[in-house]
Structures are given as C-alpha cells and as structure tokens.
C-alpha cells in the first residue's frame, strides 16, 4: 500500500515554510485536520507545531465537528441496519420460493439441475441462520426505540393519586368543619 507522500516526507523535519503555512491556515480559521490535509502532514505533527507556535484550536469547533461526525456515523449505521433487515426479509422469503436442486456426480460425473417447489430443509436452515444473523446485526446497529408508554402511565397515575389525595383532604376538612358546627 502506498501513501501519497513518501516516507522521507513523514520523517523529515518541519520546514520554516510549513510552519508559516500552519500559522497562515490557522489564522484563516482552519482546523487541525484541514491543515494536516492541506500541507500533507500528520495530525500529531500539526498539533505539536501549533503548540510550539502558541496556536490553539477552537474547542467549540472541534466539538461541533465531532458532533457532526457522530451524526453522520449514526445515519450510516441506521442505513446499514435497514439494508440488513431488507436482506433478512429477502432470505426468509427464499425459504418458500421455488428453488433449483444442483447435483454433480454419478459414474459419468455429470452435472444436473432440477427445479423443486421450495428449498430443502437444510437449505431452509441455512437461510434462516443467515436471516437471523442479519437481524441480530441490524438490532446492534440500530436498537429499536421502545415507547411503551410506561412513563406516561406512571405520570398519569401520579396525577390521579394526587387528585384523589386532594379530594380526600378537602373531604376531611369539610367533615371536620361539620363536626365543629354540632
């Protein structure tokens, strides 16, 4: 595997021109990764040189870039999970579709095919195993969101209990007031 830069470039000392370029790009508001790509140096090299030059990178920009990257990765995982579920559906559908039986052998070593109404049990087992693996990986990539309303139910029950307690307290106060009148 070859890199676009020679080993000599990676191992060579940073030149005054490269330091000036780092300073210029930093002044333009470029981030560490963009500077590294622009001048063809590693991220660590840029970090070390920036520190030597007294340059700091905006942590908010780094945080924003990290959040954006995490969102991109989450989107890709969701897409991959969807593709895996589609694969699982296709595999399970194959279990009940017509198939072709292939055989090779006999004394003349012939190759033959024969249509069958559905795959053989061993082939169905293999299809089910493959579908199961696809579903499992899909669930790992994008676990289902369970909104069974449990929190809403607890909240509603809490409000009902508070209301009943308030009515009971009002009733007790009213009963005590009636008792004073006697």
C-alpha atoms as a PDB file:
ATOM      1  CA  UNK A   1       0.000   0.000   0.000  1.00  0.00           C
ATOM      2  CA  UNK A   2       1.458   3.332  -0.991  1.00  0.00           C
ATOM      3  CA  UNK A   3       0.822   6.738   0.528  1.00  0.00           C
ATOM      4  CA  UNK A   4       0.591   9.917  -1.474  1.00  0.00           C
ATOM      5  CA  UNK A   5       3.624  11.166   0.466  1.00  0.00           C
ATOM      6  CA  UNK A   6       6.992   9.489   0.654  1.00  0.00           C
ATOM      7  CA  UNK A   7       8.379   8.136   3.898  1.00  0.00           C
ATOM      8  CA  UNK A   8      11.004  10.873   3.651  1.00  0.00           C
ATOM      9  CA  UNK A   9       8.242  13.484   3.850  1.00  0.00           C
ATOM     10  CA  UNK A  10       6.782  11.953   7.022  1.00  0.00           C
ATOM     11  CA  UNK A  11      10.172  11.587   8.673  1.00  0.00           C
ATOM     12  CA  UNK A  12      11.561  14.943   7.554  1.00  0.00           C
ATOM     13  CA  UNK A  13      11.718  17.938   9.836  1.00  0.00           C
ATOM     14  CA  UNK A  14       9.020  20.559   9.509  1.00  0.00           C
ATOM     15  CA  UNK A  15      10.338  23.439   7.426  1.00  0.00           C
ATOM     16  CA  UNK A  16      10.000  27.142   8.181  1.00  0.00           C
ATOM     17  CA  UNK A  17       7.728  27.388   5.121  1.00  0.00           C
ATOM     18  CA  UNK A  18       5.441  24.679   6.551  1.00  0.00           C
ATOM     19  CA  UNK A  19       5.358  26.468   9.927  1.00  0.00           C
ATOM     20  CA  UNK A  20       4.389  29.684   8.147  1.00  0.00           C
ATOM     21  CA  UNK A  21       1.690  27.794   6.260  1.00  0.00           C
ATOM     22  CA  UNK A  22       0.372  26.298   9.526  1.00  0.00           C
ATOM     23  CA  UNK A  23       0.231  29.784  11.044  1.00  0.00           C
ATOM     24  CA  UNK A  24      -1.493  31.229   7.949  1.00  0.00           C
ATOM     25  CA  UNK A  25      -4.095  28.457   7.726  1.00  0.00           C
ATOM     26  CA  UNK A  26      -4.751  28.684  11.468  1.00  0.00           C
ATOM     27  CA  UNK A  27      -5.298  32.458  11.107  1.00  0.00           C
ATOM     28  CA  UNK A  28      -7.858  31.690   8.392  1.00  0.00           C
ATOM     29  CA  UNK A  29      -9.746  29.627  10.954  1.00  0.00           C
ATOM     30  CA  UNK A  30      -8.837  26.239   9.514  1.00  0.00           C
ATOM     31  CA  UNK A  31      -8.959  23.279  11.860  1.00  0.00           C
ATOM     32  CA  UNK A  32      -6.150  20.867  12.618  1.00  0.00           C
ATOM     33  CA  UNK A  33      -7.459  18.160  10.266  1.00  0.00           C
ATOM     34  CA  UNK A  34      -7.853  20.553   7.357  1.00  0.00           C
ATOM     35  CA  UNK A  35      -4.369  21.989   7.909  1.00  0.00           C
ATOM     36  CA  UNK A  36      -2.908  18.479   8.001  1.00  0.00           C
ATOM     37  CA  UNK A  37      -4.625  17.577   4.726  1.00  0.00           C
ATOM     38  CA  UNK A  38      -3.570  20.847   3.089  1.00  0.00           C
ATOM     39  CA  UNK A  39       0.129  20.598   3.854  1.00  0.00           C
ATOM     40  CA  UNK A  40       0.338  16.810   3.791  1.00  0.00           C
ATOM     41  CA  UNK A  41       1.424  16.255   7.378  1.00  0.00           C
ATOM     42  CA  UNK A  42       0.076  14.067  10.134  1.00  0.00           C
ATOM     43  CA  UNK A  43      -2.374  15.289  12.754  1.00  0.00           C
ATOM     44  CA  UNK A  44       0.144  14.879  15.549  1.00  0.00           C
ATOM     45  CA  UNK A  45       2.712  16.928  13.630  1.00  0.00           C
ATOM     46  CA  UNK A  46       0.212  19.760  13.219  1.00  0.00           C
ATOM     47  CA  UNK A  47      -0.727  19.619  16.907  1.00  0.00           C
ATOM     48  CA  UNK A  48       2.912  19.695  18.019  1.00  0.00           C
ATOM     49  CA  UNK A  49       3.835  22.531  15.658  1.00  0.00           C
ATOM     50  CA  UNK A  50       0.743  24.554  16.605  1.00  0.00           C
ATOM     51  CA  UNK A  51       1.650  24.189  20.286  1.00  0.00           C
ATOM     52  CA  UNK A  52       5.229  25.321  19.558  1.00  0.00           C
ATOM     53  CA  UNK A  53       3.829  28.327  17.663  1.00  0.00           C
ATOM     54  CA  UNK A  54       1.457  29.128  20.541  1.00  0.00           C
ATOM     55  CA  UNK A  55      -1.591  28.417  18.401  1.00  0.00           C
ATOM     56  CA  UNK A  56      -4.723  26.881  19.839  1.00  0.00           C
ATOM     57  CA  UNK A  57      -7.642  25.342  18.043  1.00  0.00           C
ATOM     58  CA  UNK A  58     -11.168  26.354  18.983  1.00  0.00           C
ATOM     59  CA  UNK A  59     -12.562  23.588  21.211  1.00  0.00           C
ATOM     60  CA  UNK A  60     -16.110  24.546  20.226  1.00  0.00           C
ATOM     61  CA  UNK A  61     -15.282  23.942  16.575  1.00  0.00           C
ATOM     62  CA  UNK A  62     -13.757  20.586  17.479  1.00  0.00           C
ATOM     63  CA  UNK A  63     -16.857  19.691  19.484  1.00  0.00           C
ATOM     64  CA  UNK A  64     -19.121  20.766  16.615  1.00  0.00           C
ATOM     65  CA  UNK A  65     -17.092  18.707  14.145  1.00  0.00           C
ATOM     66  CA  UNK A  66     -17.200  15.709  16.468  1.00  0.00           C
ATOM     67  CA  UNK A  67     -20.983  16.028  16.880  1.00  0.00           C
ATOM     68  CA  UNK A  68     -21.417  16.304  13.117  1.00  0.00           C
ATOM     69  CA  UNK A  69     -19.236  13.229  12.557  1.00  0.00           C
ATOM     70  CA  UNK A  70     -21.170  11.249  15.174  1.00  0.00           C
ATOM     71  CA  UNK A  71     -24.429  12.215  13.461  1.00  0.00           C
ATOM     72  CA  UNK A  72     -23.026  11.057  10.108  1.00  0.00           C
ATOM     73  CA  UNK A  73     -21.966   7.737  11.603  1.00  0.00           C
ATOM     74  CA  UNK A  74     -25.361   7.257  13.258  1.00  0.00           C
ATOM     75  CA  UNK A  75     -27.033   7.901   9.915  1.00  0.00           C
ATOM     76  CA  UNK A  76     -24.800   5.342   8.201  1.00  0.00           C
ATOM     77  CA  UNK A  77     -25.477   2.770  10.934  1.00  0.00           C
ATOM     78  CA  UNK A  78     -29.221   3.314  10.547  1.00  0.00           C
ATOM     79  CA  UNK A  79     -28.934   2.879   6.777  1.00  0.00           C
ATOM     80  CA  UNK A  80     -26.872  -0.288   7.185  1.00  0.00           C
ATOM     81  CA  UNK A  81     -29.378  -1.624   9.731  1.00  0.00           C
ATOM     82  CA  UNK A  82     -32.166  -1.030   7.210  1.00  0.00           C
ATOM     83  CA  UNK A  83     -30.243  -2.827   4.453  1.00  0.00           C
ATOM     84  CA  UNK A  84     -29.603  -5.775   6.789  1.00  0.00           C
ATOM     85  CA  UNK A  85     -33.317  -6.003   7.599  1.00  0.00           C
ATOM     86  CA  UNK A  86     -34.113  -5.952   3.877  1.00  0.00           C
ATOM     87  CA  UNK A  87     -31.604  -8.788   3.413  1.00  0.00           C
ATOM     88  CA  UNK A  88     -33.242 -10.752   6.242  1.00  0.00           C
ATOM     89  CA  UNK A  89     -36.642 -10.342   4.572  1.00  0.00           C
ATOM     90  CA  UNK A  90     -35.274 -11.489   1.223  1.00  0.00           C
ATOM     91  CA  UNK A  91     -33.645 -14.525   2.845  1.00  0.00           C
ATOM     92  CA  UNK A  92     -36.815 -15.573   4.675  1.00  0.00           C
ATOM     93  CA  UNK A  93     -38.872 -15.160   1.502  1.00  0.00           C
ATOM     94  CA  UNK A  94     -36.496 -17.555  -0.287  1.00  0.00           C
ATOM     95  CA  UNK A  95     -37.500 -20.298   2.154  1.00  0.00           C
ATOM     96  CA  UNK A  96     -40.899 -20.626   0.470  1.00  0.00           C
ATOM     97  CA  UNK A  97     -39.970 -19.885  -3.141  1.00  0.00           C
ATOM     98  CA  UNK A  98     -39.226 -22.415  -5.859  1.00  0.00           C
ATOM     99  CA  UNK A  99     -35.570 -23.419  -5.938  1.00  0.00           C
ATOM    100  CA  UNK A 100     -33.205 -25.386  -8.095  1.00  0.00           C
ATOM    101  CA  UNK A 101     -31.540 -28.551  -6.877  1.00  0.00           C
ATOM    102  CA  UNK A 102     -27.999 -28.951  -8.175  1.00  0.00           C
ATOM    103  CA  UNK A 103     -26.169 -32.264  -8.237  1.00  0.00           C
ATOM    104  CA  UNK A 104     -22.840 -33.395  -9.560  1.00  0.00           C
ATOM    105  CA  UNK A 105     -21.731 -36.952  -9.611  1.00  0.00           C
ATOM    106  CA  UNK A 106     -22.606 -40.397 -10.756  1.00  0.00           C
ATOM    107  CA  UNK A 107     -20.319 -42.717 -12.640  1.00  0.00           C
ATOM    108  CA  UNK A 108     -20.110 -40.249 -15.527  1.00  0.00           C
ATOM    109  CA  UNK A 109     -19.562 -37.217 -13.249  1.00  0.00           C
ATOM    110  CA  UNK A 110     -22.462 -35.334 -14.726  1.00  0.00           C
ATOM    111  CA  UNK A 111     -23.909 -32.034 -13.530  1.00  0.00           C
ATOM    112  CA  UNK A 112     -27.681 -31.877 -13.302  1.00  0.00           C
ATOM    113  CA  UNK A 113     -30.258 -29.391 -12.084  1.00  0.00           C
ATOM    114  CA  UNK A 114     -33.857 -29.963 -11.171  1.00  0.00           C
ATOM    115  CA  UNK A 115     -36.496 -27.432 -10.088  1.00  0.00           C
ATOM    116  CA  UNK A 116     -38.087 -28.097  -6.683  1.00  0.00           C
ATOM    117  CA  UNK A 117     -41.110 -26.357  -5.113  1.00  0.00           C
ATOM    118  CA  UNK A 118     -39.066 -24.970  -2.210  1.00  0.00           C
ATOM    119  CA  UNK A 119     -35.562 -25.339  -0.751  1.00  0.00           C
ATOM    120  CA  UNK A 120     -34.599 -28.493   1.096  1.00  0.00           C
ATOM    121  CA  UNK A 121     -34.786 -28.398   4.925  1.00  0.00           C
ATOM    122  CA  UNK A 122     -31.004 -27.985   5.283  1.00  0.00           C
ATOM    123  CA  UNK A 123     -31.093 -25.059   2.853  1.00  0.00           C
ATOM    124  CA  UNK A 124     -34.017 -23.517   4.764  1.00  0.00           C
ATOM    125  CA  UNK A 125     -31.993 -23.835   7.957  1.00  0.00           C
ATOM    126  CA  UNK A 126     -29.067 -22.037   6.295  1.00  0.00           C
ATOM    127  CA  UNK A 127     -31.384 -19.290   5.017  1.00  0.00           C
ATOM    128  CA  UNK A 128     -32.905 -18.883   8.491  1.00  0.00           C
ATOM    129  CA  UNK A 129     -29.448 -18.742  10.061  1.00  0.00           C
ATOM    130  CA  UNK A 130     -28.321 -16.068   7.617  1.00  0.00           C
ATOM    131  CA  UNK A 131     -31.537 -14.073   8.171  1.00  0.00           C
ATOM    132  CA  UNK A 132     -31.069 -14.357  11.934  1.00  0.00           C
ATOM    133  CA  UNK A 133     -27.501 -13.036  11.673  1.00  0.00           C
ATOM    134  CA  UNK A 134     -28.688 -10.093   9.565  1.00  0.00           C
ATOM    135  CA  UNK A 135     -31.445  -9.269  12.053  1.00  0.00           C
ATOM    136  CA  UNK A 136     -29.074  -9.529  15.020  1.00  0.00           C
ATOM    137  CA  UNK A 137     -26.553  -7.197  13.414  1.00  0.00           C
ATOM    138  CA  UNK A 138     -29.314  -4.789  12.419  1.00  0.00           C
ATOM    139  CA  UNK A 139     -30.519  -4.632  16.020  1.00  0.00           C
ATOM    140  CA  UNK A 140     -26.976  -3.994  17.239  1.00  0.00           C
ATOM    141  CA  UNK A 141     -26.558  -1.128  14.789  1.00  0.00           C
ATOM    142  CA  UNK A 142     -29.949   0.452  15.488  1.00  0.00           C
ATOM    143  CA  UNK A 143     -31.702  -0.883  18.584  1.00  0.00           C
ATOM    144  CA  UNK A 144     -35.464  -0.451  18.479  1.00  0.00           C
ATOM    145  CA  UNK A 145     -36.899   2.505  20.326  1.00  0.00           C
ATOM    146  CA  UNK A 146     -39.387   1.205  22.830  1.00  0.00           C
ATOM    147  CA  UNK A 147     -42.047   3.666  23.775  1.00  0.00           C
ATOM    148  CA  UNK A 148     -44.443   1.510  25.683  1.00  0.00           C
ATOM    149  CA  UNK A 149     -45.939   4.487  27.471  1.00  0.00           C
ATOM    150  CA  UNK A 150     -44.677   3.334  30.859  1.00  0.00           C
ATOM    151  CA  UNK A 151     -43.515   6.818  31.865  1.00  0.00           C
ATOM    152  CA  UNK A 152     -46.775   8.361  30.651  1.00  0.00           C
ATOM    153  CA  UNK A 153     -48.750   5.796  32.637  1.00  0.00           C
ATOM    154  CA  UNK A 154     -46.706   6.475  35.781  1.00  0.00           C
ATOM    155  CA  UNK A 155     -47.200  10.194  35.318  1.00  0.00           C
ATOM    156  CA  UNK A 156     -50.935   9.797  34.780  1.00  0.00           C
ATOM    157  CA  UNK A 157     -51.288   7.534  37.831  1.00  0.00           C
ATOM    158  CA  UNK A 158     -49.327  10.053  39.881  1.00  0.00           C
ATOM    159  CA  UNK A 159     -51.705  12.827  38.832  1.00  0.00           C
ATOM    160  CA  UNK A 160     -54.722  10.662  39.622  1.00  0.00           C
ATOM    161  CA  UNK A 161     -53.313   9.803  43.064  1.00  0.00           C
ATOM    162  CA  UNK A 162     -52.554  13.478  43.769  1.00  0.00           C
ATOM    163  CA  UNK A 163     -56.063  14.427  42.723  1.00  0.00           C
ATOM    164  CA  UNK A 164     -57.591  11.722  44.922  1.00  0.00           C
ATOM    165  CA  UNK A 165     -55.457  12.824  47.867  1.00  0.00           C
ATOM    166  CA  UNK A 166     -56.553  16.420  47.353  1.00  0.00           C
ATOM    167  CA  UNK A 167     -60.241  15.392  47.230  1.00  0.00           C
ATOM    168  CA  UNK A 168     -59.771  13.258  50.348  1.00  0.00           C
ATOM    169  CA  UNK A 169     -58.074  16.142  52.192  1.00  0.00           C
ATOM    170  CA  UNK A 170     -60.862  18.522  51.163  1.00  0.00           C
ATOM    171  CA  UNK A 171     -63.437  15.983  52.317  1.00  0.00           C
ATOM    172  CA  UNK A 172     -61.665  15.613  55.678  1.00  0.00           C
ATOM    173  CA  UNK A 173     -61.556  19.376  56.109  1.00  0.00           C
ATOM    174  CA  UNK A 174     -65.250  19.612  55.259  1.00  0.00           C
ATOM    175  CA  UNK A 175     -66.092  16.789  57.695  1.00  0.00           C
ATOM    176  CA  UNK A 176     -64.127  18.489  60.477  1.00  0.00           C
ATOM    177  CA  UNK A 177     -65.978  21.731  59.774  1.00  0.00           C
ATOM    178  CA  UNK A 178     -69.307  19.891  60.037  1.00  0.00           C
ATOM    179  CA  UNK A 179     -68.226  18.375  63.336  1.00  0.00           C
ATOM    180  CA  UNK A 180     -67.458  21.860  64.788  1.00  0.00           C
ATOM    181  CA  UNK A 181     -70.967  23.043  63.967  1.00  0.00           C
ATOM    182  CA  UNK A 182     -72.574  20.370  66.149  1.00  0.00           C
END
